[in-house]
């Protein structure tokens, strides 16, 4: 994995304030970057624009992004979330989520005469293109990812006869390939960088000639948020990650915090979910959020902590993100510069 992420600039210097040496030094270390990535913002804006242009109801296959607050807010505005394309009335408008869908889903939508808006994150689309390319060159493709995740299902669906999912170390031992000289690994975009490279090392032991992706598959935002957490974790008695339990990248932040030296780490959707018992004996609280989390939820958590004595907030900046994505082509010309109002 490359040290620098496209569309980001490293912070001029990263200084993490040292742990207070005396009692009473309650403080919060606030990670930056955190929260919304460009792909999430694009997907949410796409749904908001669809509501604005066509009026409710707008159907969305699966959750547009993996965040409870975002989904509940959009549902209140007239969005109907469905599990399968078959649940959308014929001829209606459906938005495909940021996680991507397989060609079979596109075909089903076409057969049902559905109007579609594809809000797949461009970085996920890149992995789909890699699958098609390597399948076309007759490679066996080992996709590192979590079984059942929507992104994995969509990516695998590009070439189901060529893709094998590698989730665990046991999967590495079980995988079989036709020609060890024609095998490549790709990955789900929202994994832990360290976990992914551990799987790659295991795969390389079995298949020394395994090819790497043409470029990093782990998305810039996932990587940046993990780097920011690593920078501050060792100073934290507790790291609070704002994010939903079905958010892969949010769950990874909890794991990364613990691996990087945090004494405890918890995942919460809202400030009121924080158990006060978690704060017993805690001086330094680290705060971050997953890539599908609006910053308003982080601000509410900071306010909640401030009311309980953790009012000293110090930001730890490891990168400055500049990247932005154009809206899906179906919505081009309707205000590409807009930002999601669910922030």
C-alpha atoms as a PDB file:
ATOM      1  CA  UNK A   1       0.000   0.000   0.000  1.00  0.00           C
ATOM      2  CA  UNK A   2       1.318   3.420  -0.879  1.00  0.00           C
ATOM      3  CA  UNK A   3       2.151   5.913   1.853  1.00  0.00           C
ATOM      4  CA  UNK A   4       0.305   8.788   0.208  1.00  0.00           C
ATOM      5  CA  UNK A   5      -3.311   8.580  -0.888  1.00  0.00           C
ATOM      6  CA  UNK A   6      -4.523  10.162  -4.142  1.00  0.00           C
ATOM      7  CA  UNK A   7      -6.491  13.344  -3.517  1.00  0.00           C
ATOM      8  CA  UNK A   8      -4.929  13.977  -0.115  1.00  0.00           C
ATOM      9  CA  UNK A   9      -2.046  15.991   1.230  1.00  0.00           C
ATOM     10  CA  UNK A  10      -0.074  14.847   4.283  1.00  0.00           C
ATOM     11  CA  UNK A  11      -0.182  17.182   7.251  1.00  0.00           C
ATOM     12  CA  UNK A  12       2.865  19.433   7.450  1.00  0.00           C
ATOM     13  CA  UNK A  13       3.640  17.842  10.809  1.00  0.00           C
ATOM     14  CA  UNK A  14       1.752  15.484  13.066  1.00  0.00           C
ATOM     15  CA  UNK A  15       2.149  16.308  16.743  1.00  0.00           C
ATOM     16  CA  UNK A  16       0.134  14.271  19.189  1.00  0.00           C
ATOM     17  CA  UNK A  17      -0.007  16.003  22.590  1.00  0.00           C
ATOM     18  CA  UNK A  18       1.612  13.878  25.277  1.00  0.00           C
ATOM     19  CA  UNK A  19      -0.490  12.278  27.984  1.00  0.00           C
ATOM     20  CA  UNK A  20      -0.963  14.548  31.003  1.00  0.00           C
ATOM     21  CA  UNK A  21       1.443  13.582  33.784  1.00  0.00           C
ATOM     22  CA  UNK A  22      -0.837  14.679  36.606  1.00  0.00           C
ATOM     23  CA  UNK A  23      -4.425  13.883  37.428  1.00  0.00           C
ATOM     24  CA  UNK A  24      -7.325  15.960  36.222  1.00  0.00           C
ATOM     25  CA  UNK A  25      -6.050  16.201  32.646  1.00  0.00           C
ATOM     26  CA  UNK A  26      -9.285  15.249  30.918  1.00  0.00           C
ATOM     27  CA  UNK A  27      -9.076  15.860  27.190  1.00  0.00           C
ATOM     28  CA  UNK A  28     -10.264  14.668  23.800  1.00  0.00           C
ATOM     29  CA  UNK A  29      -8.002  13.868  20.853  1.00  0.00           C
ATOM     30  CA  UNK A  30     -10.070  14.388  17.705  1.00  0.00           C
ATOM     31  CA  UNK A  31      -8.868  12.581  14.593  1.00  0.00           C
ATOM     32  CA  UNK A  32      -8.650  14.309  11.244  1.00  0.00           C
ATOM     33  CA  UNK A  33      -9.498  13.082   8.638  1.00  0.00           C
ATOM     34  CA  UNK A  34     -12.695  11.486   9.871  1.00  0.00           C
ATOM     35  CA  UNK A  35     -16.280  11.100   8.667  1.00  0.00           C
ATOM     36  CA  UNK A  36     -17.698  11.529   5.186  1.00  0.00           C
ATOM     37  CA  UNK A  37     -15.551  10.513   2.248  1.00  0.00           C
ATOM     38  CA  UNK A  38     -16.084  11.725  -1.313  1.00  0.00           C
ATOM     39  CA  UNK A  39     -17.864   8.529  -2.365  1.00  0.00           C
ATOM     40  CA  UNK A  40     -20.368   8.716   0.488  1.00  0.00           C
ATOM     41  CA  UNK A  41     -21.049  12.407  -0.083  1.00  0.00           C
ATOM     42  CA  UNK A  42     -21.626  11.708  -3.797  1.00  0.00           C
ATOM     43  CA  UNK A  43     -24.031   8.845  -3.071  1.00  0.00           C
ATOM     44  CA  UNK A  44     -26.107  10.769  -0.528  1.00  0.00           C
ATOM     45  CA  UNK A  45     -26.261  13.846  -2.763  1.00  0.00           C
ATOM     46  CA  UNK A  46     -27.401  11.577  -5.618  1.00  0.00           C
ATOM     47  CA  UNK A  47     -30.398  10.424  -3.565  1.00  0.00           C
ATOM     48  CA  UNK A  48     -31.184  13.986  -2.449  1.00  0.00           C
ATOM     49  CA  UNK A  49     -31.009  15.197  -6.066  1.00  0.00           C
ATOM     50  CA  UNK A  50     -33.282  12.354  -7.189  1.00  0.00           C
ATOM     51  CA  UNK A  51     -35.840  13.391  -4.563  1.00  0.00           C
ATOM     52  CA  UNK A  52     -35.556  17.008  -5.678  1.00  0.00           C
ATOM     53  CA  UNK A  53     -35.900  16.240  -9.401  1.00  0.00           C
ATOM     54  CA  UNK A  54     -38.442  13.424  -9.389  1.00  0.00           C
ATOM     55  CA  UNK A  55     -40.154  13.676  -6.007  1.00  0.00           C
ATOM     56  CA  UNK A  56     -40.827  10.794  -3.615  1.00  0.00           C
ATOM     57  CA  UNK A  57     -40.869   7.932  -3.541  1.00  0.00           C
ATOM     58  CA  UNK A  58     -37.306   7.215  -4.629  1.00  0.00           C
ATOM     59  CA  UNK A  59     -36.291   3.590  -4.205  1.00  0.00           C
ATOM     60  CA  UNK A  60     -32.787   2.638  -3.074  1.00  0.00           C
ATOM     61  CA  UNK A  61     -31.487  -0.916  -3.330  1.00  0.00           C
ATOM     62  CA  UNK A  62     -29.873  -1.773   0.037  1.00  0.00           C
ATOM     63  CA  UNK A  63     -28.713   1.074   2.298  1.00  0.00           C
ATOM     64  CA  UNK A  64     -27.266   3.929   0.244  1.00  0.00           C
ATOM     65  CA  UNK A  65     -24.378   3.994   2.744  1.00  0.00           C
ATOM     66  CA  UNK A  66     -23.913   2.027   5.952  1.00  0.00           C
ATOM     67  CA  UNK A  67     -25.071   4.593   8.486  1.00  0.00           C
ATOM     68  CA  UNK A  68     -28.236   4.488  10.557  1.00  0.00           C
ATOM     69  CA  UNK A  69     -28.650   8.260  10.834  1.00  0.00           C
ATOM     70  CA  UNK A  70     -28.256   8.853   7.092  1.00  0.00           C
ATOM     71  CA  UNK A  71     -30.691   6.074   6.194  1.00  0.00           C
ATOM     72  CA  UNK A  72     -33.299   7.177   8.755  1.00  0.00           C
ATOM     73  CA  UNK A  73     -33.043  10.812   7.607  1.00  0.00           C
ATOM     74  CA  UNK A  74     -33.507   9.905   3.946  1.00  0.00           C
ATOM     75  CA  UNK A  75     -36.379   7.557   4.799  1.00  0.00           C
ATOM     76  CA  UNK A  76     -38.177  10.464   6.469  1.00  0.00           C
ATOM     77  CA  UNK A  77     -37.800  12.440   3.229  1.00  0.00           C
ATOM     78  CA  UNK A  78     -39.510   9.794   1.129  1.00  0.00           C
ATOM     79  CA  UNK A  79     -36.842   7.249   0.268  1.00  0.00           C
ATOM     80  CA  UNK A  80     -37.904   3.601   0.275  1.00  0.00           C
ATOM     81  CA  UNK A  81     -35.065   1.176   0.946  1.00  0.00           C
ATOM     82  CA  UNK A  82     -35.452  -2.316  -0.485  1.00  0.00           C
ATOM     83  CA  UNK A  83     -33.298  -5.410  -0.297  1.00  0.00           C
ATOM     84  CA  UNK A  84     -33.786  -6.598  -3.866  1.00  0.00           C
ATOM     85  CA  UNK A  85     -34.543  -4.997  -7.229  1.00  0.00           C
ATOM     86  CA  UNK A  86     -37.628  -7.207  -7.537  1.00  0.00           C
ATOM     87  CA  UNK A  87     -39.263  -5.154  -4.740  1.00  0.00           C
ATOM     88  CA  UNK A  88     -39.216  -1.984  -6.867  1.00  0.00           C
ATOM     89  CA  UNK A  89     -42.435  -1.412  -8.871  1.00  0.00           C
ATOM     90  CA  UNK A  90     -41.948  -1.766 -12.613  1.00  0.00           C
ATOM     91  CA  UNK A  91     -40.979   1.515 -14.273  1.00  0.00           C
ATOM     92  CA  UNK A  92     -40.019   3.204 -10.971  1.00  0.00           C
ATOM     93  CA  UNK A  93     -36.765   4.991 -10.138  1.00  0.00           C
ATOM     94  CA  UNK A  94     -34.120   3.077  -8.189  1.00  0.00           C
ATOM     95  CA  UNK A  95     -30.721   4.202  -6.941  1.00  0.00           C
ATOM     96  CA  UNK A  96     -27.924   1.654  -6.558  1.00  0.00           C
ATOM     97  CA  UNK A  97     -25.920   2.135  -3.363  1.00  0.00           C
ATOM     98  CA  UNK A  98     -22.323   3.301  -2.999  1.00  0.00           C
ATOM     99  CA  UNK A  99     -21.209  -0.306  -2.493  1.00  0.00           C
ATOM    100  CA  UNK A 100     -21.896  -1.309  -6.096  1.00  0.00           C
ATOM    101  CA  UNK A 101     -23.967  -4.048  -7.730  1.00  0.00           C
ATOM    102  CA  UNK A 102     -23.257  -6.928 -10.054  1.00  0.00           C
ATOM    103  CA  UNK A 103     -24.075  -6.965 -13.798  1.00  0.00           C
ATOM    104  CA  UNK A 104     -26.956  -9.344 -12.979  1.00  0.00           C
ATOM    105  CA  UNK A 105     -28.622  -6.609 -10.903  1.00  0.00           C
ATOM    106  CA  UNK A 106     -28.302  -4.141 -13.783  1.00  0.00           C
ATOM    107  CA  UNK A 107     -29.866  -6.711 -16.105  1.00  0.00           C
ATOM    108  CA  UNK A 108     -32.748  -7.345 -13.699  1.00  0.00           C
ATOM    109  CA  UNK A 109     -33.426  -3.608 -13.469  1.00  0.00           C
ATOM    110  CA  UNK A 110     -33.434  -3.350 -17.255  1.00  0.00           C
ATOM    111  CA  UNK A 111     -35.843  -6.285 -17.550  1.00  0.00           C
ATOM    112  CA  UNK A 112     -38.219  -4.539 -15.108  1.00  0.00           C
ATOM    113  CA  UNK A 113     -37.992  -1.287 -17.093  1.00  0.00           C
ATOM    114  CA  UNK A 114     -36.621   0.540 -14.043  1.00  0.00           C
ATOM    115  CA  UNK A 115     -35.066   3.974 -14.266  1.00  0.00           C
ATOM    116  CA  UNK A 116     -31.687   3.672 -12.545  1.00  0.00           C
ATOM    117  CA  UNK A 117     -29.153   5.974 -10.952  1.00  0.00           C
ATOM    118  CA  UNK A 118     -25.864   4.234 -10.198  1.00  0.00           C
ATOM    119  CA  UNK A 119     -24.307   5.796  -7.081  1.00  0.00           C
ATOM    120  CA  UNK A 120     -21.497   3.239  -6.862  1.00  0.00           C
ATOM    121  CA  UNK A 121     -18.361   4.832  -5.428  1.00  0.00           C
ATOM    122  CA  UNK A 122     -15.860   5.395  -8.262  1.00  0.00           C
ATOM    123  CA  UNK A 123     -13.195   3.602  -6.220  1.00  0.00           C
ATOM    124  CA  UNK A 124     -15.415   0.511  -6.055  1.00  0.00           C
ATOM    125  CA  UNK A 125     -16.055   0.838  -9.791  1.00  0.00           C
ATOM    126  CA  UNK A 126     -12.273   0.767 -10.268  1.00  0.00           C
ATOM    127  CA  UNK A 127     -12.105  -2.642  -8.566  1.00  0.00           C
ATOM    128  CA  UNK A 128     -14.982  -3.878 -10.769  1.00  0.00           C
ATOM    129  CA  UNK A 129     -12.960  -2.853 -13.826  1.00  0.00           C
ATOM    130  CA  UNK A 130      -9.934  -4.718 -12.471  1.00  0.00           C
ATOM    131  CA  UNK A 131     -12.035  -7.877 -12.069  1.00  0.00           C
ATOM    132  CA  UNK A 132     -13.269  -7.628 -15.670  1.00  0.00           C
ATOM    133  CA  UNK A 133      -9.755  -7.017 -16.950  1.00  0.00           C
ATOM    134  CA  UNK A 134      -8.128  -9.935 -15.135  1.00  0.00           C
ATOM    135  CA  UNK A 135     -11.024 -12.272 -15.877  1.00  0.00           C
ATOM    136  CA  UNK A 136     -10.662 -11.330 -19.550  1.00  0.00           C
ATOM    137  CA  UNK A 137      -6.983 -12.320 -19.324  1.00  0.00           C
ATOM    138  CA  UNK A 138      -8.031 -15.665 -17.777  1.00  0.00           C
ATOM    139  CA  UNK A 139      -6.591 -15.035 -14.303  1.00  0.00           C
ATOM    140  CA  UNK A 140      -7.897 -16.600 -11.123  1.00  0.00           C
ATOM    141  CA  UNK A 141      -8.883 -13.652  -8.894  1.00  0.00           C
ATOM    142  CA  UNK A 142      -8.548 -13.890  -5.113  1.00  0.00           C
ATOM    143  CA  UNK A 143     -10.752 -11.196  -3.593  1.00  0.00           C
ATOM    144  CA  UNK A 144      -9.823 -10.300  -0.023  1.00  0.00           C
ATOM    145  CA  UNK A 145     -12.988  -9.201   1.749  1.00  0.00           C
ATOM    146  CA  UNK A 146     -15.749 -10.043   4.190  1.00  0.00           C
ATOM    147  CA  UNK A 147     -18.299 -12.654   3.205  1.00  0.00           C
ATOM    148  CA  UNK A 148     -21.809 -11.230   2.776  1.00  0.00           C
ATOM    149  CA  UNK A 149     -20.706  -7.602   2.423  1.00  0.00           C
ATOM    150  CA  UNK A 150     -22.586  -5.843  -0.376  1.00  0.00           C
ATOM    151  CA  UNK A 151     -19.408  -4.561  -2.002  1.00  0.00           C
ATOM    152  CA  UNK A 152     -17.961  -8.067  -2.154  1.00  0.00           C
ATOM    153  CA  UNK A 153     -21.169  -9.442  -3.682  1.00  0.00           C
ATOM    154  CA  UNK A 154     -21.192  -6.775  -6.383  1.00  0.00           C
ATOM    155  CA  UNK A 155     -17.490  -7.156  -7.175  1.00  0.00           C
ATOM    156  CA  UNK A 156     -17.621 -10.961  -7.277  1.00  0.00           C
ATOM    157  CA  UNK A 157     -20.611 -10.765  -9.584  1.00  0.00           C
ATOM    158  CA  UNK A 158     -18.455  -9.229 -12.328  1.00  0.00           C
ATOM    159  CA  UNK A 159     -16.859 -12.652 -12.923  1.00  0.00           C
ATOM    160  CA  UNK A 160     -18.302 -15.242 -10.535  1.00  0.00           C
ATOM    161  CA  UNK A 161     -16.508 -18.127 -12.272  1.00  0.00           C
ATOM    162  CA  UNK A 162     -13.113 -16.490 -11.754  1.00  0.00           C
ATOM    163  CA  UNK A 163     -13.418 -14.823  -8.313  1.00  0.00           C
ATOM    164  CA  UNK A 164     -12.788 -16.632  -5.023  1.00  0.00           C
ATOM    165  CA  UNK A 165     -13.393 -14.829  -1.734  1.00  0.00           C
ATOM    166  CA  UNK A 166     -10.596 -14.858   0.831  1.00  0.00           C
ATOM    167  CA  UNK A 167     -11.902 -13.708   4.205  1.00  0.00           C
ATOM    168  CA  UNK A 168      -9.939 -15.709   6.781  1.00  0.00           C
ATOM    169  CA  UNK A 169      -6.599 -17.480   7.109  1.00  0.00           C
ATOM    170  CA  UNK A 170      -8.526 -20.730   6.648  1.00  0.00           C
ATOM    171  CA  UNK A 171      -9.771 -19.437   3.283  1.00  0.00           C
ATOM    172  CA  UNK A 172      -6.145 -18.908   2.254  1.00  0.00           C
ATOM    173  CA  UNK A 173      -5.410 -22.560   2.972  1.00  0.00           C
ATOM    174  CA  UNK A 174      -8.472 -23.768   1.054  1.00  0.00           C
ATOM    175  CA  UNK A 175      -8.208 -21.675  -2.108  1.00  0.00           C
ATOM    176  CA  UNK A 176      -7.309 -23.460  -5.352  1.00  0.00           C
ATOM    177  CA  UNK A 177      -6.136 -21.984  -8.638  1.00  0.00           C
ATOM    178  CA  UNK A 178      -5.760 -23.424 -12.130  1.00  0.00           C
ATOM    179  CA  UNK A 179      -2.359 -21.905 -12.866  1.00  0.00           C
ATOM    180  CA  UNK A 180      -0.190 -20.458 -10.048  1.00  0.00           C
ATOM    181  CA  UNK A 181       1.461 -18.132 -12.565  1.00  0.00           C
ATOM    182  CA  UNK A 182      -1.880 -16.535 -13.468  1.00  0.00           C
ATOM    183  CA  UNK A 183      -3.388 -15.451 -10.164  1.00  0.00           C
ATOM    184  CA  UNK A 184      -4.008 -11.939  -8.814  1.00  0.00           C
ATOM    185  CA  UNK A 185      -5.298 -10.550  -5.519  1.00  0.00           C
ATOM    186  CA  UNK A 186      -7.779  -7.693  -5.234  1.00  0.00           C
ATOM    187  CA  UNK A 187      -9.544  -6.370  -2.135  1.00  0.00           C
ATOM    188  CA  UNK A 188     -12.681  -4.844  -0.721  1.00  0.00           C
ATOM    189  CA  UNK A 189     -12.058  -1.096  -0.433  1.00  0.00           C
ATOM    190  CA  UNK A 190     -13.018  -0.685   3.243  1.00  0.00           C
ATOM    191  CA  UNK A 191     -10.732  -3.216   4.934  1.00  0.00           C
ATOM    192  CA  UNK A 192      -7.981  -2.636   7.447  1.00  0.00           C
ATOM    193  CA  UNK A 193      -4.754  -2.039   5.526  1.00  0.00           C
ATOM    194  CA  UNK A 194      -2.808  -4.202   7.998  1.00  0.00           C
ATOM    195  CA  UNK A 195      -5.333  -7.052   7.867  1.00  0.00           C
ATOM    196  CA  UNK A 196      -5.317  -6.988   4.071  1.00  0.00           C
ATOM    197  CA  UNK A 197      -1.528  -7.135   3.848  1.00  0.00           C
ATOM    198  CA  UNK A 198      -1.508 -10.026   6.330  1.00  0.00           C
ATOM    199  CA  UNK A 199      -3.771 -11.960   3.957  1.00  0.00           C
ATOM    200  CA  UNK A 200      -1.603 -10.956   0.989  1.00  0.00           C
ATOM    201  CA  UNK A 201       1.507 -12.280   2.740  1.00  0.00           C
ATOM    202  CA  UNK A 202      -0.297 -15.551   3.453  1.00  0.00           C
ATOM    203  CA  UNK A 203      -1.424 -15.826  -0.162  1.00  0.00           C
ATOM    204  CA  UNK A 204       2.082 -15.073  -1.417  1.00  0.00           C
ATOM    205  CA  UNK A 205       3.453 -17.939   0.670  1.00  0.00           C
ATOM    206  CA  UNK A 206       1.143 -20.285  -1.230  1.00  0.00           C
ATOM    207  CA  UNK A 207       1.400 -18.559  -4.601  1.00  0.00           C
ATOM    208  CA  UNK A 208       4.778 -16.793  -4.928  1.00  0.00           C
ATOM    209  CA  UNK A 209       3.908 -15.480  -8.410  1.00  0.00           C
ATOM    210  CA  UNK A 210       0.625 -13.845  -7.338  1.00  0.00           C
ATOM    211  CA  UNK A 211       0.149 -10.448  -9.012  1.00  0.00           C
ATOM    212  CA  UNK A 212      -0.721  -7.246  -7.173  1.00  0.00           C
ATOM    213  CA  UNK A 213      -3.548  -4.880  -8.172  1.00  0.00           C
ATOM    214  CA  UNK A 214      -2.511  -2.160 -10.652  1.00  0.00           C
ATOM    215  CA  UNK A 215      -3.086   0.351  -7.823  1.00  0.00           C
ATOM    216  CA  UNK A 216      -4.192   0.255  -4.182  1.00  0.00           C
ATOM    217  CA  UNK A 217      -7.715  -1.121  -3.749  1.00  0.00           C
ATOM    218  CA  UNK A 218      -8.069   0.109  -0.150  1.00  0.00           C
ATOM    219  CA  UNK A 219      -9.729   3.495  -0.604  1.00  0.00           C
ATOM    220  CA  UNK A 220      -7.909   6.689   0.341  1.00  0.00           C
ATOM    221  CA  UNK A 221     -10.488   7.546   3.007  1.00  0.00           C
ATOM    222  CA  UNK A 222     -10.315   4.160   4.713  1.00  0.00           C
ATOM    223  CA  UNK A 223      -6.524   4.331   4.788  1.00  0.00           C
ATOM    224  CA  UNK A 224      -6.414   7.968   5.961  1.00  0.00           C
ATOM    225  CA  UNK A 225      -8.844   7.367   8.823  1.00  0.00           C
ATOM    226  CA  UNK A 226      -6.831   4.386  10.008  1.00  0.00           C
ATOM    227  CA  UNK A 227      -3.575   6.383   9.893  1.00  0.00           C
ATOM    228  CA  UNK A 228      -5.169   9.165  11.961  1.00  0.00           C
ATOM    229  CA  UNK A 229      -6.342   6.690  14.602  1.00  0.00           C
ATOM    230  CA  UNK A 230      -2.932   5.022  14.745  1.00  0.00           C
ATOM    231  CA  UNK A 231      -1.306   8.404  15.353  1.00  0.00           C
ATOM    232  CA  UNK A 232      -3.270   9.059  18.535  1.00  0.00           C
ATOM    233  CA  UNK A 233      -4.298   5.619  19.848  1.00  0.00           C
ATOM    234  CA  UNK A 234      -1.343   5.073  22.182  1.00  0.00           C
ATOM    235  CA  UNK A 235      -2.241   8.277  24.059  1.00  0.00           C
ATOM    236  CA  UNK A 236      -5.879   7.237  24.548  1.00  0.00           C
ATOM    237  CA  UNK A 237      -7.482   5.475  27.487  1.00  0.00           C
ATOM    238  CA  UNK A 238     -10.604   5.087  25.348  1.00  0.00           C
ATOM    239  CA  UNK A 239     -11.275   5.602  21.636  1.00  0.00           C
ATOM    240  CA  UNK A 240     -14.876   6.247  20.612  1.00  0.00           C
ATOM    241  CA  UNK A 241     -15.603   5.507  16.942  1.00  0.00           C
ATOM    242  CA  UNK A 242     -18.848   6.970  15.646  1.00  0.00           C
ATOM    243  CA  UNK A 243     -20.307   4.559  13.106  1.00  0.00           C
ATOM    244  CA  UNK A 244     -22.866   1.849  12.497  1.00  0.00           C
ATOM    245  CA  UNK A 245     -22.352  -1.823  13.200  1.00  0.00           C
ATOM    246  CA  UNK A 246     -22.855  -2.785   9.558  1.00  0.00           C
ATOM    247  CA  UNK A 247     -20.136  -0.336   8.480  1.00  0.00           C
ATOM    248  CA  UNK A 248     -17.009  -2.318   7.658  1.00  0.00           C
ATOM    249  CA  UNK A 249     -14.654   0.658   7.736  1.00  0.00           C
ATOM    250  CA  UNK A 250     -16.070   1.883  11.087  1.00  0.00           C
ATOM    251  CA  UNK A 251     -15.582  -1.525  12.708  1.00  0.00           C
ATOM    252  CA  UNK A 252     -12.039  -1.634  11.346  1.00  0.00           C
ATOM    253  CA  UNK A 253     -11.283   1.670  13.116  1.00  0.00           C
ATOM    254  CA  UNK A 254     -12.107   0.054  16.465  1.00  0.00           C
ATOM    255  CA  UNK A 255      -9.729  -2.822  15.673  1.00  0.00           C
ATOM    256  CA  UNK A 256      -6.991  -0.476  14.467  1.00  0.00           C
ATOM    257  CA  UNK A 257      -7.259   1.650  17.618  1.00  0.00           C
ATOM    258  CA  UNK A 258      -6.790  -1.381  19.851  1.00  0.00           C
ATOM    259  CA  UNK A 259      -3.908  -2.731  17.775  1.00  0.00           C
ATOM    260  CA  UNK A 260      -2.205   0.688  17.891  1.00  0.00           C
ATOM    261  CA  UNK A 261      -2.243   0.881  21.687  1.00  0.00           C
ATOM    262  CA  UNK A 262      -5.582   2.307  22.826  1.00  0.00           C
ATOM    263  CA  UNK A 263      -6.566   0.845  26.183  1.00  0.00           C
ATOM    264  CA  UNK A 264     -10.176   0.433  25.033  1.00  0.00           C
ATOM    265  CA  UNK A 265     -12.217   1.241  21.930  1.00  0.00           C
ATOM    266  CA  UNK A 266     -15.962   1.299  21.317  1.00  0.00           C
ATOM    267  CA  UNK A 267     -18.308   1.766  18.355  1.00  0.00           C
ATOM    268  CA  UNK A 268     -21.412   3.943  18.817  1.00  0.00           C
ATOM    269  CA  UNK A 269     -23.999   5.409  16.466  1.00  0.00           C
ATOM    270  CA  UNK A 270     -24.996   8.238  18.804  1.00  0.00           C
ATOM    271  CA  UNK A 271     -23.599  10.009  21.870  1.00  0.00           C
ATOM    272  CA  UNK A 272     -26.373   8.657  24.099  1.00  0.00           C
ATOM    273  CA  UNK A 273     -25.115   5.119  23.460  1.00  0.00           C
ATOM    274  CA  UNK A 274     -21.914   5.820  25.409  1.00  0.00           C
ATOM    275  CA  UNK A 275     -21.975   3.948  28.713  1.00  0.00           C
ATOM    276  CA  UNK A 276     -20.734   6.245  31.486  1.00  0.00           C
ATOM    277  CA  UNK A 277     -18.970   3.242  33.016  1.00  0.00           C
ATOM    278  CA  UNK A 278     -16.603   3.277  30.020  1.00  0.00           C
ATOM    279  CA  UNK A 279     -15.305   6.647  31.237  1.00  0.00           C
ATOM    280  CA  UNK A 280     -14.298   5.539  34.731  1.00  0.00           C
ATOM    281  CA  UNK A 281     -10.598   6.268  35.244  1.00  0.00           C
ATOM    282  CA  UNK A 282     -10.318   7.740  31.726  1.00  0.00           C
ATOM    283  CA  UNK A 283      -8.346  10.925  31.100  1.00  0.00           C
ATOM    284  CA  UNK A 284      -7.765  10.925  27.321  1.00  0.00           C
ATOM    285  CA  UNK A 285     -10.632  10.052  24.967  1.00  0.00           C
ATOM    286  CA  UNK A 286      -9.924   9.634  21.268  1.00  0.00           C
ATOM    287  CA  UNK A 287     -12.779  10.424  18.877  1.00  0.00           C
ATOM    288  CA  UNK A 288     -13.118   9.548  15.209  1.00  0.00           C
ATOM    289  CA  UNK A 289     -15.810   8.417  12.782  1.00  0.00           C
ATOM    290  CA  UNK A 290     -16.259   6.107   9.835  1.00  0.00           C
ATOM    291  CA  UNK A 291     -16.364   7.258   6.228  1.00  0.00           C
ATOM    292  CA  UNK A 292     -20.169   7.154   6.061  1.00  0.00           C
ATOM    293  CA  UNK A 293     -20.764   9.236   9.215  1.00  0.00           C
ATOM    294  CA  UNK A 294     -22.028  12.838   9.080  1.00  0.00           C
ATOM    295  CA  UNK A 295     -19.951  15.140  11.262  1.00  0.00           C
ATOM    296  CA  UNK A 296     -23.014  16.365  13.155  1.00  0.00           C
ATOM    297  CA  UNK A 297     -22.931  13.076  15.084  1.00  0.00           C
ATOM    298  CA  UNK A 298     -19.293  13.680  16.080  1.00  0.00           C
ATOM    299  CA  UNK A 299     -20.146  17.217  17.223  1.00  0.00           C
ATOM    300  CA  UNK A 300     -22.977  15.834  19.363  1.00  0.00           C
ATOM    301  CA  UNK A 301     -20.548  13.360  20.939  1.00  0.00           C
ATOM    302  CA  UNK A 302     -18.045  16.131  21.675  1.00  0.00           C
ATOM    303  CA  UNK A 303     -20.815  18.160  23.319  1.00  0.00           C
ATOM    304  CA  UNK A 304     -21.856  15.115  25.378  1.00  0.00           C
ATOM    305  CA  UNK A 305     -18.260  14.572  26.511  1.00  0.00           C
ATOM    306  CA  UNK A 306     -17.813  18.280  27.248  1.00  0.00           C
ATOM    307  CA  UNK A 307     -20.788  18.233  29.595  1.00  0.00           C
ATOM    308  CA  UNK A 308     -19.033  15.483  31.549  1.00  0.00           C
ATOM    309  CA  UNK A 309     -15.658  17.189  31.881  1.00  0.00           C
ATOM    310  CA  UNK A 310     -13.914  16.328  28.621  1.00  0.00           C
ATOM    311  CA  UNK A 311     -14.105  19.823  27.162  1.00  0.00           C
ATOM    312  CA  UNK A 312     -10.471  20.205  26.076  1.00  0.00           C
ATOM    313  CA  UNK A 313     -10.533  19.086  22.414  1.00  0.00           C
ATOM    314  CA  UNK A 314      -7.233  18.817  20.528  1.00  0.00           C
ATOM    315  CA  UNK A 315      -7.326  17.893  16.837  1.00  0.00           C
ATOM    316  CA  UNK A 316      -4.756  15.414  15.496  1.00  0.00           C
ATOM    317  CA  UNK A 317      -4.344  15.960  11.752  1.00  0.00           C
ATOM    318  CA  UNK A 318      -2.491  13.430   9.609  1.00  0.00           C
ATOM    319  CA  UNK A 319      -3.786  14.396   6.143  1.00  0.00           C
ATOM    320  CA  UNK A 320      -5.887  16.998   4.372  1.00  0.00           C
ATOM    321  CA  UNK A 321      -8.336  15.479   1.898  1.00  0.00           C
ATOM    322  CA  UNK A 322      -9.003  17.333  -1.338  1.00  0.00           C
ATOM    323  CA  UNK A 323     -10.740  14.700  -3.456  1.00  0.00           C
ATOM    324  CA  UNK A 324     -14.283  15.102  -4.826  1.00  0.00           C
ATOM    325  CA  UNK A 325     -16.304  13.018  -7.283  1.00  0.00           C
ATOM    326  CA  UNK A 326     -18.753  14.179  -9.939  1.00  0.00           C
ATOM    327  CA  UNK A 327     -22.362  13.085  -9.535  1.00  0.00           C
ATOM    328  CA  UNK A 328     -23.586   9.980 -11.397  1.00  0.00           C
ATOM    329  CA  UNK A 329     -24.003  10.719 -15.117  1.00  0.00           C
ATOM    330  CA  UNK A 330     -27.800  10.539 -14.799  1.00  0.00           C
ATOM    331  CA  UNK A 331     -27.643  13.644 -12.571  1.00  0.00           C
ATOM    332  CA  UNK A 332     -24.878  15.632 -14.261  1.00  0.00           C
ATOM    333  CA  UNK A 333     -25.765  19.281 -14.727  1.00  0.00           C
ATOM    334  CA  UNK A 334     -27.984  19.338 -11.625  1.00  0.00           C
ATOM    335  CA  UNK A 335     -25.402  20.901  -9.304  1.00  0.00           C
ATOM    336  CA  UNK A 336     -22.285  18.778  -9.089  1.00  0.00           C
ATOM    337  CA  UNK A 337     -20.794  21.140  -6.543  1.00  0.00           C
ATOM    338  CA  UNK A 338     -23.515  20.409  -3.985  1.00  0.00           C
ATOM    339  CA  UNK A 339     -22.750  18.717  -0.684  1.00  0.00           C
ATOM    340  CA  UNK A 340     -25.054  16.389   1.177  1.00  0.00           C
ATOM    341  CA  UNK A 341     -27.352  18.145   3.632  1.00  0.00           C
ATOM    342  CA  UNK A 342     -27.189  15.060   5.891  1.00  0.00           C
ATOM    343  CA  UNK A 343     -24.006  16.306   7.545  1.00  0.00           C
END
